[in-house]
Amino acid sequence: MVVVNIALGYDKKGELLYLIGTIPARQLPASYRKRWTIEVLFQAFITSKTPD
């Protein structure tokens, strides 16, 4: 059995966000923001990389 926590919130557009994870619910939004920042950084790196 896996116990998960759920946090509900709204994004900047007013759309409902469901955040689900195994960390405490109050930590989910900050963790999600941090992960999303890293994802965007990697995507920018990949798209800006020039082929050899």
C-alpha atoms as a PDB file:
ATOM      1  CA  MET A   1       0.000   0.000   0.000  1.00  0.00           C
ATOM      2  CA  VAL A   2       1.218   3.487  -0.857  1.00  0.00           C
ATOM      3  CA  VAL A   3      -0.094   6.469   1.051  1.00  0.00           C
ATOM      4  CA  VAL A   4      -0.272   9.686  -0.948  1.00  0.00           C
ATOM      5  CA  ASN A   5      -1.131  13.264  -0.112  1.00  0.00           C
ATOM      6  CA  ILE A   6      -3.160  15.580  -2.302  1.00  0.00           C
ATOM      7  CA  ALA A   7      -2.951  19.359  -2.535  1.00  0.00           C
ATOM      8  CA  LEU A   8      -5.415  21.384  -4.582  1.00  0.00           C
ATOM      9  CA  GLY A   9      -4.681  24.852  -5.887  1.00  0.00           C
ATOM     10  CA  TYR A  10      -4.986  27.161  -8.849  1.00  0.00           C
ATOM     11  CA  ASP A  11      -2.353  28.148 -11.389  1.00  0.00           C
ATOM     12  CA  LYS A  12      -1.808  31.687 -12.699  1.00  0.00           C
ATOM     13  CA  LYS A  13      -4.529  31.140 -15.320  1.00  0.00           C
ATOM     14  CA  GLY A  14      -7.028  30.155 -12.646  1.00  0.00           C
ATOM     15  CA  GLU A  15      -7.038  26.499 -13.657  1.00  0.00           C
ATOM     16  CA  LEU A  16      -7.386  23.907 -10.925  1.00  0.00           C
ATOM     17  CA  LEU A  17      -4.221  21.951 -10.105  1.00  0.00           C
ATOM     18  CA  TYR A  18      -4.164  18.564  -8.432  1.00  0.00           C
ATOM     19  CA  LEU A  19      -0.798  17.847  -6.844  1.00  0.00           C
ATOM     20  CA  ILE A  20      -0.319  14.279  -5.653  1.00  0.00           C
ATOM     21  CA  GLY A  21       2.776  12.953  -3.919  1.00  0.00           C
ATOM     22  CA  THR A  22       4.207  11.065  -0.999  1.00  0.00           C
ATOM     23  CA  ILE A  23       5.610  14.154   0.722  1.00  0.00           C
ATOM     24  CA  PRO A  24       3.450  16.218   3.100  1.00  0.00           C
ATOM     25  CA  ALA A  25       0.637  18.035   1.256  1.00  0.00           C
ATOM     26  CA  ARG A  26       1.833  21.484   2.352  1.00  0.00           C
ATOM     27  CA  GLN A  27       5.221  20.826   0.673  1.00  0.00           C
ATOM     28  CA  LEU A  28       3.747  19.704  -2.653  1.00  0.00           C
ATOM     29  CA  PRO A  29       3.324  23.174  -4.255  1.00  0.00           C
ATOM     30  CA  ALA A  30       6.922  24.240  -3.546  1.00  0.00           C
ATOM     31  CA  SER A  31       8.262  20.886  -4.706  1.00  0.00           C
ATOM     32  CA  TYR A  32       6.190  21.085  -7.897  1.00  0.00           C
ATOM     33  CA  ARG A  33       7.470  24.610  -8.643  1.00  0.00           C
ATOM     34  CA  LYS A  34      11.061  23.511  -8.142  1.00  0.00           C
ATOM     35  CA  ARG A  35      10.651  20.474 -10.372  1.00  0.00           C
ATOM     36  CA  TRP A  36       8.888  22.491 -13.069  1.00  0.00           C
ATOM     37  CA  THR A  37      11.739  25.044 -13.056  1.00  0.00           C
ATOM     38  CA  ILE A  38      14.231  22.221 -13.615  1.00  0.00           C
ATOM     39  CA  GLU A  39      12.107  20.717 -16.423  1.00  0.00           C
ATOM     40  CA  VAL A  40      11.929  24.092 -18.203  1.00  0.00           C
ATOM     41  CA  LEU A  41      15.688  24.573 -17.786  1.00  0.00           C
ATOM     42  CA  PHE A  42      16.435  21.189 -19.372  1.00  0.00           C
ATOM     43  CA  GLN A  43      14.005  21.881 -22.216  1.00  0.00           C
ATOM     44  CA  ALA A  44      15.687  25.240 -22.897  1.00  0.00           C
ATOM     45  CA  PHE A  45      19.086  23.541 -22.882  1.00  0.00           C
ATOM     46  CA  ILE A  46      17.950  20.854 -25.317  1.00  0.00           C
ATOM     47  CA  THR A  47      16.333  23.291 -27.758  1.00  0.00           C
ATOM     48  CA  SER A  48      19.261  25.740 -27.687  1.00  0.00           C
ATOM     49  CA  LYS A  49      21.877  23.045 -28.250  1.00  0.00           C
ATOM     50  CA  THR A  50      23.382  23.307 -31.732  1.00  0.00           C
ATOM     51  CA  PRO A  51      24.238  20.147 -33.666  1.00  0.00           C
ATOM     52  CA  ASP A  52      27.914  19.409 -34.297  1.00  0.00           C
END
